[in-house]
């Protein structure tokens, strides 16, 4: 499989509109250098805590310390991952950890009769209706920009590089966002909060596979994808779903940073959504709440830069880049994921509330410093017991 050369086409006219700054040093990312893959083979990432971190997802090494880290907290978190785990592990003997280190295999064939599509714009509207029906909270469509596809995927049998496995001709990417539970996110860092992550991975696994099956039933190729195959953040930004932030997350007008993303690669004729820059970058320029709150100091201060601290950073893109080794090291020590940066983000709000929508309008205006001042007391951690008590009530 081959793709067009990265140069001299490293910078494209649409990049500026999307807020993406690609330099001449750009190189497509090799998934083997993702920090979670590196935890399996790279001694720079592996530590005495790494095995305990992964074991805790099987209830084999759940620590019993601190609020939010009890047995039932880990039990809920691990149960939330169940559907994702079943899908992910079904071809593990072939070195395919699908949805994470390999694209998701098609469970249905492409129908022999192809539905005629006269208007790609109407078909895009239909796909968004279908995505919403299956449970996606937001959906956008963009072109398959080859720069954001992984150069190689990972064969999990020996952690070697393997062919990405994406068929030729899939020129469109459907990107879907799945909202994480706001009340659980408020309890980060905790194993309990990790259930917000796991639930959406299980949820998005079903959604993305069903949307892909619908497209195949209409006679077009469709490959369902979660964290595999390519970097979802630039695809989400180009599809108009949100803007990139200092905390490495996509800020959306509907849910702030509180989302997981999935994608479908397809050759179905579809129209594309334009990027929608609204001013998040300017707000992040004056805000460092996520970097201030990060326990291992993995998030950057100052303006965006090119490159990063280690091989888990993509080369040749000017952006805010975390130190993935420090971030994962903290995860490993706590035996669960951490999203303090999501919890404290000023955009982490309930935008169905009029007051929060008014705050958003202020934050994206030249009065953003007032919005930041108004947010100064928000983002504190909610006790995990509060969530359990609400559930019991």
Protein backbone atom coordinates (compact mmCIF):
# COMPACT_ATOMS: atom_id res chain seq x y z
CA UNK A 1 0.00 0.00 0.00
CA UNK A 2 1.33 3.44 -0.89
CA UNK A 3 0.28 7.02 -0.30
CA UNK A 4 1.38 10.28 -1.93
CA UNK A 5 4.63 11.77 -0.73
CA UNK A 6 4.46 13.96 2.37
CA UNK A 7 6.58 16.63 0.62
CA UNK A 8 6.25 19.15 -0.85
CA UNK A 9 2.60 18.69 0.07
CA UNK A 10 3.27 18.98 3.82
CA UNK A 11 1.31 22.22 4.11
CA UNK A 12 -2.14 22.53 2.59
CA UNK A 13 -4.44 25.53 2.13
CA UNK A 14 -7.04 24.07 4.52
CA UNK A 15 -4.47 23.71 7.33
CA UNK A 16 -4.60 27.37 8.33
CA UNK A 17 -8.39 27.31 8.49
CA UNK A 18 -8.24 24.25 10.74
CA UNK A 19 -5.50 25.73 12.92
CA UNK A 20 -3.03 23.00 11.90
CA UNK A 21 0.59 24.13 11.45
CA UNK A 22 2.64 21.53 9.55
CA UNK A 23 6.35 22.20 8.92
CA UNK A 24 8.85 20.88 6.38
CA UNK A 25 10.09 18.37 8.97
CA UNK A 26 6.75 16.55 9.06
CA UNK A 27 6.78 12.76 9.17
CA UNK A 28 3.82 10.43 9.45
CA UNK A 29 3.60 8.88 12.89
CA UNK A 30 4.61 5.27 13.50
CA UNK A 31 2.10 3.71 15.88
CA UNK A 32 4.78 1.59 17.52
CA UNK A 33 5.92 4.87 19.13
CA UNK A 34 2.54 5.50 20.76
CA UNK A 35 3.23 5.50 24.49
CA UNK A 36 0.81 2.62 25.16
CA UNK A 37 2.58 0.51 22.56
CA UNK A 38 5.95 1.57 23.92
CA UNK A 39 4.86 0.35 27.35
CA UNK A 40 4.98 -3.14 25.85
CA UNK A 41 8.52 -2.98 24.44
CA UNK A 42 10.42 0.17 25.45
CA UNK A 43 12.35 0.14 28.73
CA UNK A 44 12.15 3.94 28.78
CA UNK A 45 8.41 3.60 29.42
CA UNK A 46 8.13 0.27 31.22
CA UNK A 47 8.47 0.47 35.00
CA UNK A 48 7.65 -1.53 38.10
CA UNK A 49 4.16 -0.05 37.90
CA UNK A 50 3.41 -0.94 34.27
CA UNK A 51 2.35 -4.55 34.79
CA UNK A 52 0.20 -3.56 37.76
CA UNK A 53 -1.51 -0.94 35.61
CA UNK A 54 -2.50 -3.46 32.94
CA UNK A 55 -3.29 -6.18 35.50
CA UNK A 56 -5.73 -3.86 37.25
CA UNK A 57 -7.98 -3.98 34.18
CA UNK A 58 -8.40 -7.71 34.86
CA UNK A 59 -9.08 -7.22 38.59
CA UNK A 60 -5.70 -8.87 39.25
CA UNK A 61 -3.91 -5.97 40.90
CA UNK A 62 -6.50 -3.45 42.07
CA UNK A 63 -5.04 -1.36 44.89
CA UNK A 64 -7.19 -0.72 47.95
CA UNK A 65 -6.27 2.82 48.84
CA UNK A 66 -7.93 6.18 48.67
CA UNK A 67 -11.40 7.32 47.80
CA UNK A 68 -12.33 6.22 44.30
CA UNK A 69 -9.83 3.34 44.27
CA UNK A 70 -11.86 0.69 46.08
CA UNK A 71 -12.97 -2.69 44.81
CA UNK A 72 -16.31 -1.52 43.45
CA UNK A 73 -14.65 1.46 41.71
CA UNK A 74 -12.34 -0.87 39.80
CA UNK A 75 -15.20 -3.30 39.25
CA UNK A 76 -17.31 -0.61 37.57
CA UNK A 77 -14.41 0.69 35.50
CA UNK A 78 -13.46 -2.75 34.24
CA UNK A 79 -17.09 -3.69 33.54
CA UNK A 80 -17.43 -0.52 31.47
CA UNK A 81 -14.64 -1.75 29.17
CA UNK A 82 -16.21 -5.19 28.59
CA UNK A 83 -17.75 -4.72 25.13
CA UNK A 84 -14.68 -2.90 23.85
CA UNK A 85 -12.46 -5.66 25.23
CA UNK A 86 -14.50 -8.42 23.58
CA UNK A 87 -14.24 -6.70 20.22
CA UNK A 88 -10.58 -5.80 20.68
CA UNK A 89 -9.40 -9.27 21.68
CA UNK A 90 -11.23 -11.42 19.13
CA UNK A 91 -8.26 -11.56 16.72
CA UNK A 92 -5.47 -11.21 19.27
CA UNK A 93 -3.93 -14.49 18.11
CA UNK A 94 -3.30 -12.80 14.75
CA UNK A 95 -1.51 -9.84 16.35
CA UNK A 96 -4.50 -7.58 15.82
CA UNK A 97 -5.69 -5.54 18.79
CA UNK A 98 -8.57 -4.09 16.84
CA UNK A 99 -9.81 -0.61 17.56
CA UNK A 100 -6.47 0.29 19.14
CA UNK A 101 -3.60 -1.19 17.14
CA UNK A 102 -5.43 -2.46 14.06
CA UNK A 103 -8.56 -1.42 12.16
CA UNK A 104 -11.78 -3.24 13.06
CA UNK A 105 -12.52 -6.22 10.81
CA UNK A 106 -15.71 -6.09 8.77
CA UNK A 107 -18.41 -8.43 10.09
CA UNK A 108 -20.60 -7.94 7.04
CA UNK A 109 -19.70 -8.01 3.33
CA UNK A 110 -20.09 -5.13 0.92
CA UNK A 111 -23.47 -5.56 -0.76
CA UNK A 112 -23.20 -6.47 -4.47
CA UNK A 113 -25.69 -3.76 -5.46
CA UNK A 114 -24.46 -0.22 -4.91
CA UNK A 115 -27.02 2.43 -4.07
CA UNK A 116 -26.79 5.36 -6.45
CA UNK A 117 -25.93 8.63 -4.72
CA UNK A 118 -26.98 11.69 -6.66
CA UNK A 119 -26.21 14.32 -4.05
CA UNK A 120 -23.26 13.74 -1.67
CA UNK A 121 -24.58 16.53 0.57
CA UNK A 122 -27.85 14.71 1.13
CA UNK A 123 -25.96 11.45 1.71
CA UNK A 124 -23.84 13.18 4.34
CA UNK A 125 -26.99 14.35 6.10
CA UNK A 126 -28.29 10.79 5.99
CA UNK A 127 -25.06 9.38 7.45
CA UNK A 128 -25.26 11.90 10.31
CA UNK A 129 -28.86 10.86 11.00
CA UNK A 130 -27.80 7.21 11.04
CA UNK A 131 -24.83 7.98 13.32
CA UNK A 132 -27.13 9.79 15.74
CA UNK A 133 -29.61 6.90 15.62
CA UNK A 134 -26.92 4.44 16.65
CA UNK A 135 -25.81 6.73 19.48
CA UNK A 136 -23.13 9.17 18.27
CA UNK A 137 -23.43 12.54 20.00
CA UNK A 138 -21.80 14.56 17.22
CA UNK A 139 -20.64 13.73 13.71
CA UNK A 140 -18.60 15.44 11.00
CA UNK A 141 -17.11 14.37 7.67
CA UNK A 142 -13.76 15.23 6.09
CA UNK A 143 -11.31 13.98 3.47
CA UNK A 144 -8.88 11.17 4.18
CA UNK A 145 -5.76 13.29 4.62
CA UNK A 146 -2.97 10.72 4.32
CA UNK A 147 -0.67 12.71 6.61
CA UNK A 148 -2.66 11.64 9.66
CA UNK A 149 -2.65 7.92 8.86
CA UNK A 150 -0.12 5.85 10.79
CA UNK A 151 2.91 4.94 8.70
CA UNK A 152 2.68 1.43 10.17
CA UNK A 153 0.50 -0.30 12.74
CA UNK A 154 1.62 -2.69 15.50
CA UNK A 155 1.62 -6.49 15.40
CA UNK A 156 0.87 -7.16 19.07
CA UNK A 157 2.40 -10.65 19.00
CA UNK A 158 5.93 -9.22 18.93
CA UNK A 159 5.26 -5.43 18.82
CA UNK A 160 6.80 -5.19 15.37
CA UNK A 161 5.67 -2.79 12.66
CA UNK A 162 2.98 -4.08 10.31
CA UNK A 163 1.07 -2.83 7.26
CA UNK A 164 -1.78 -0.54 8.37
CA UNK A 165 -4.28 -2.65 6.45
CA UNK A 166 -6.43 0.17 5.09
CA UNK A 167 -7.71 -0.52 1.54
CA UNK A 168 -6.99 1.94 -1.26
CA UNK A 169 -9.61 4.42 -2.37
CA UNK A 170 -11.25 5.22 0.98
CA UNK A 171 -11.22 8.97 0.44
CA UNK A 172 -13.67 10.11 3.11
CA UNK A 173 -13.59 9.94 6.91
CA UNK A 174 -16.71 10.07 9.06
CA UNK A 175 -15.74 11.25 12.56
CA UNK A 176 -18.07 10.68 15.51
CA UNK A 177 -17.86 12.04 19.04
CA UNK A 178 -19.14 10.23 22.14
CA UNK A 179 -19.76 12.21 25.32
CA UNK A 180 -18.15 11.06 28.57
CA UNK A 181 -20.22 11.16 31.74
CA UNK A 182 -19.79 14.62 33.27
CA UNK A 183 -20.35 13.53 36.88
CA UNK A 184 -17.78 10.73 36.61
CA UNK A 185 -15.24 13.03 34.94
CA UNK A 186 -15.59 15.32 37.97
CA UNK A 187 -14.07 12.58 40.18
CA UNK A 188 -10.74 12.31 38.31
CA UNK A 189 -8.23 11.04 39.30
CA UNK A 190 -9.92 7.83 40.38
CA UNK A 191 -10.60 4.32 39.12
CA UNK A 192 -14.27 5.26 39.32
CA UNK A 193 -13.75 8.08 36.81
CA UNK A 194 -12.11 5.58 34.48
CA UNK A 195 -15.58 4.11 33.95
CA UNK A 196 -16.43 7.25 31.97
CA UNK A 197 -13.62 6.36 29.56
CA UNK A 198 -14.39 2.65 29.35
CA UNK A 199 -18.12 3.16 28.84
CA UNK A 200 -17.52 5.35 25.81
CA UNK A 201 -15.00 2.96 24.27
CA UNK A 202 -17.56 0.16 24.59
CA UNK A 203 -20.26 2.47 23.30
CA UNK A 204 -18.26 3.77 20.35
CA UNK A 205 -17.22 0.24 19.38
CA UNK A 206 -20.87 -0.59 18.78
CA UNK A 207 -21.67 2.73 17.09
CA UNK A 208 -18.74 2.77 14.68
CA UNK A 209 -19.23 -0.88 13.68
CA UNK A 210 -22.94 -0.33 13.03
CA UNK A 211 -22.40 2.83 10.96
CA UNK A 212 -19.76 1.00 8.90
CA UNK A 213 -22.14 -1.95 8.42
CA UNK A 214 -24.87 0.40 7.18
CA UNK A 215 -22.52 1.81 4.55
CA UNK A 216 -21.42 -1.68 3.44
CA UNK A 217 -25.08 -2.67 3.16
CA UNK A 218 -25.45 0.15 0.61
CA UNK A 219 -22.64 -1.28 -1.51
CA UNK A 220 -19.67 0.85 -0.41
CA UNK A 221 -16.46 0.01 1.41
CA UNK A 222 -16.32 1.08 5.06
CA UNK A 223 -13.65 0.43 7.70
CA UNK A 224 -14.59 1.04 11.34
CA UNK A 225 -11.85 2.61 13.44
CA UNK A 226 -11.29 3.82 16.99
CA UNK A 227 -7.73 4.69 18.11
CA UNK A 228 -6.23 2.63 15.29
CA UNK A 229 -5.20 3.46 11.71
CA UNK A 230 -4.71 7.21 12.14
CA UNK A 231 -4.61 10.18 14.48
CA UNK A 232 -8.23 11.03 15.17
CA UNK A 233 -7.67 14.56 16.54
CA UNK A 234 -6.67 16.21 13.23
CA UNK A 235 -9.51 14.38 11.48
CA UNK A 236 -11.98 15.65 14.10
CA UNK A 237 -10.69 19.21 13.76
CA UNK A 238 -10.85 19.10 9.95
CA UNK A 239 -14.40 17.69 10.17
CA UNK A 240 -15.47 20.81 12.04
CA UNK A 241 -16.15 19.13 15.38
CA UNK A 242 -13.90 21.33 17.50
CA UNK A 243 -10.53 22.92 18.11
CA UNK A 244 -7.25 21.69 19.55
CA UNK A 245 -6.37 22.81 23.08
CA UNK A 246 -3.38 23.01 25.40
CA UNK A 247 -4.58 19.88 27.22
CA UNK A 248 -4.17 17.83 23.97
CA UNK A 249 -7.95 17.47 23.67
CA UNK A 250 -10.51 18.64 21.13
CA UNK A 251 -12.75 21.37 22.55
CA UNK A 252 -16.27 21.09 21.12
CA UNK A 253 -19.08 23.66 21.45
CA UNK A 254 -21.45 20.92 22.60
CA UNK A 255 -19.43 19.09 25.29
CA UNK A 256 -16.15 20.96 25.71
CA UNK A 257 -13.30 18.39 25.98
CA UNK A 258 -15.48 15.60 27.37
CA UNK A 259 -15.49 13.27 24.36
CA UNK A 260 -13.98 10.14 22.83
CA UNK A 261 -13.82 9.96 19.03
CA UNK A 262 -14.25 7.18 16.48
CA UNK A 263 -14.08 7.20 12.69
CA UNK A 264 -15.17 5.34 9.56
CA UNK A 265 -13.04 5.33 6.40
CA UNK A 266 -15.19 4.93 3.28
CA UNK A 267 -15.39 5.38 -0.49
CA UNK A 268 -19.04 6.46 -0.27
CA UNK A 269 -19.49 9.85 -2.03
CA UNK A 270 -19.94 12.40 0.77
CA UNK A 271 -19.62 16.14 1.17
CA UNK A 272 -17.16 17.53 3.71
CA UNK A 273 -17.70 19.78 6.69
CA UNK A 274 -15.40 22.80 6.99
CA UNK A 275 -13.28 23.40 10.11
CA UNK A 276 -14.93 25.73 12.63
CA UNK A 277 -12.27 27.76 14.46
CA UNK A 278 -14.03 29.90 17.03
CA UNK A 279 -11.27 31.12 19.33
CA UNK A 280 -10.22 28.23 21.60
CA UNK A 281 -6.55 28.74 20.65
CA UNK A 282 -6.68 32.37 21.83
CA UNK A 283 -8.23 31.27 25.13
CA UNK A 284 -5.60 28.58 25.69
CA UNK A 285 -2.92 31.19 25.03
CA UNK A 286 -3.91 32.91 28.29
CA UNK A 287 -4.97 29.83 30.26
CA UNK A 288 -2.73 27.19 31.84
CA UNK A 289 -5.15 25.53 34.28
CA UNK A 290 -4.53 22.08 32.80
CA UNK A 291 -0.73 22.44 32.91
CA UNK A 292 -0.87 23.85 36.44
CA UNK A 293 -3.03 20.94 37.63
CA UNK A 294 -1.09 18.11 35.94
CA UNK A 295 0.59 16.07 38.74
CA UNK A 296 3.59 14.83 36.67
CA UNK A 297 3.92 18.19 34.87
CA UNK A 298 3.46 16.52 31.51
CA UNK A 299 1.51 19.35 29.88
CA UNK A 300 3.24 22.32 28.24
CA UNK A 301 3.29 25.96 29.26
CA UNK A 302 3.90 28.74 26.78
CA UNK A 303 3.09 28.82 23.06
CA UNK A 304 2.87 25.80 20.74
CA UNK A 305 6.19 24.35 19.58
CA UNK A 306 7.40 21.82 17.00
CA UNK A 307 8.22 18.32 18.21
CA UNK A 308 8.22 17.02 21.76
CA UNK A 309 10.19 15.48 24.60
CA UNK A 310 10.39 11.94 23.20
CA UNK A 311 9.50 9.60 20.34
CA UNK A 312 5.80 9.58 21.28
CA UNK A 313 5.49 13.11 19.85
CA UNK A 314 4.63 13.60 16.19
CA UNK A 315 7.37 15.28 14.15
CA UNK A 316 6.86 18.43 12.14
CA UNK A 317 3.67 19.87 13.62
CA UNK A 318 3.64 23.08 15.65
CA UNK A 319 1.25 22.48 18.53
CA UNK A 320 0.99 22.01 22.26
CA UNK A 321 2.56 18.61 22.95
CA UNK A 322 2.54 16.67 26.20
CA UNK A 323 5.37 14.57 27.59
CA UNK A 324 3.71 11.20 27.04
CA UNK A 325 6.27 9.34 29.15
CA UNK A 326 5.52 11.47 32.21
CA UNK A 327 1.78 11.19 31.59
CA UNK A 328 1.76 7.42 31.25
CA UNK A 329 4.09 7.06 34.22
CA UNK A 330 1.47 8.75 36.40
CA UNK A 331 -1.25 6.50 34.98
CA UNK A 332 0.83 3.43 35.78
CA UNK A 333 1.42 4.53 39.37
CA UNK A 334 -2.29 5.12 39.98
CA UNK A 335 -3.40 1.98 38.05
CA UNK A 336 -5.96 3.92 36.06
CA UNK A 337 -6.27 6.64 33.46
CA UNK A 338 -6.00 10.27 34.49
CA UNK A 339 -8.02 13.12 32.99
CA UNK A 340 -7.42 15.90 35.49
CA UNK A 341 -6.68 18.09 32.47
CA UNK A 342 -10.20 17.39 31.22
CA UNK A 343 -11.78 17.96 34.62
CA UNK A 344 -10.19 21.37 35.24
CA UNK A 345 -10.57 22.68 31.70
CA UNK A 346 -12.73 25.83 31.73
CA UNK A 347 -14.62 24.42 28.72
CA UNK A 348 -15.68 21.36 30.72
CA UNK A 349 -19.24 22.58 31.21
CA UNK A 350 -22.84 21.61 30.61
CA UNK A 351 -23.60 23.70 27.54
CA UNK A 352 -27.27 22.79 27.63
CA UNK A 353 -27.37 25.39 30.44
CA UNK A 354 -27.93 28.97 29.29
CA UNK A 355 -25.42 30.39 31.77
CA UNK A 356 -22.66 28.14 30.44
CA UNK A 357 -23.54 29.02 26.85
CA UNK A 358 -23.20 32.69 27.74
CA UNK A 359 -19.81 31.93 29.35
CA UNK A 360 -18.74 30.15 26.15
CA UNK A 361 -19.64 33.19 24.07
CA UNK A 362 -17.56 35.35 26.41
CA UNK A 363 -14.61 32.91 26.37
CA UNK A 364 -14.48 32.95 22.57
CA UNK A 365 -14.57 36.73 22.39
CA UNK A 366 -12.02 39.45 23.07
CA UNK A 367 -13.33 39.41 26.64
CA UNK A 368 -11.77 35.98 27.23
CA UNK A 369 -9.77 37.21 30.24
CA UNK A 370 -13.02 37.94 32.04
CA UNK A 371 -14.24 34.43 31.21
CA UNK A 372 -11.01 32.98 32.62
CA UNK A 373 -11.42 35.04 35.80
CA UNK A 374 -15.01 33.82 36.18
CA UNK A 375 -13.75 30.24 35.94
CA UNK A 376 -11.07 30.61 38.64
CA UNK A 377 -12.95 28.58 41.32
CA UNK A 378 -14.29 25.81 39.07
CA UNK A 379 -12.83 22.39 38.29
CA UNK A 380 -12.30 21.04 41.79
CA UNK A 381 -12.46 17.29 42.31
CA UNK A 382 -15.79 15.84 43.43
CA UNK A 383 -15.53 13.05 45.99
CA UNK A 384 -16.17 9.67 44.31
CA UNK A 385 -18.53 8.74 47.16
CA UNK A 386 -20.82 11.50 45.93
CA UNK A 387 -21.34 9.65 42.65
CA UNK A 388 -22.09 6.38 44.44
CA UNK A 389 -24.55 8.09 46.77
CA UNK A 390 -26.39 9.61 43.84
CA UNK A 391 -26.56 6.21 42.22
CA UNK A 392 -28.00 4.66 45.37
CA UNK A 393 -30.56 7.46 45.53
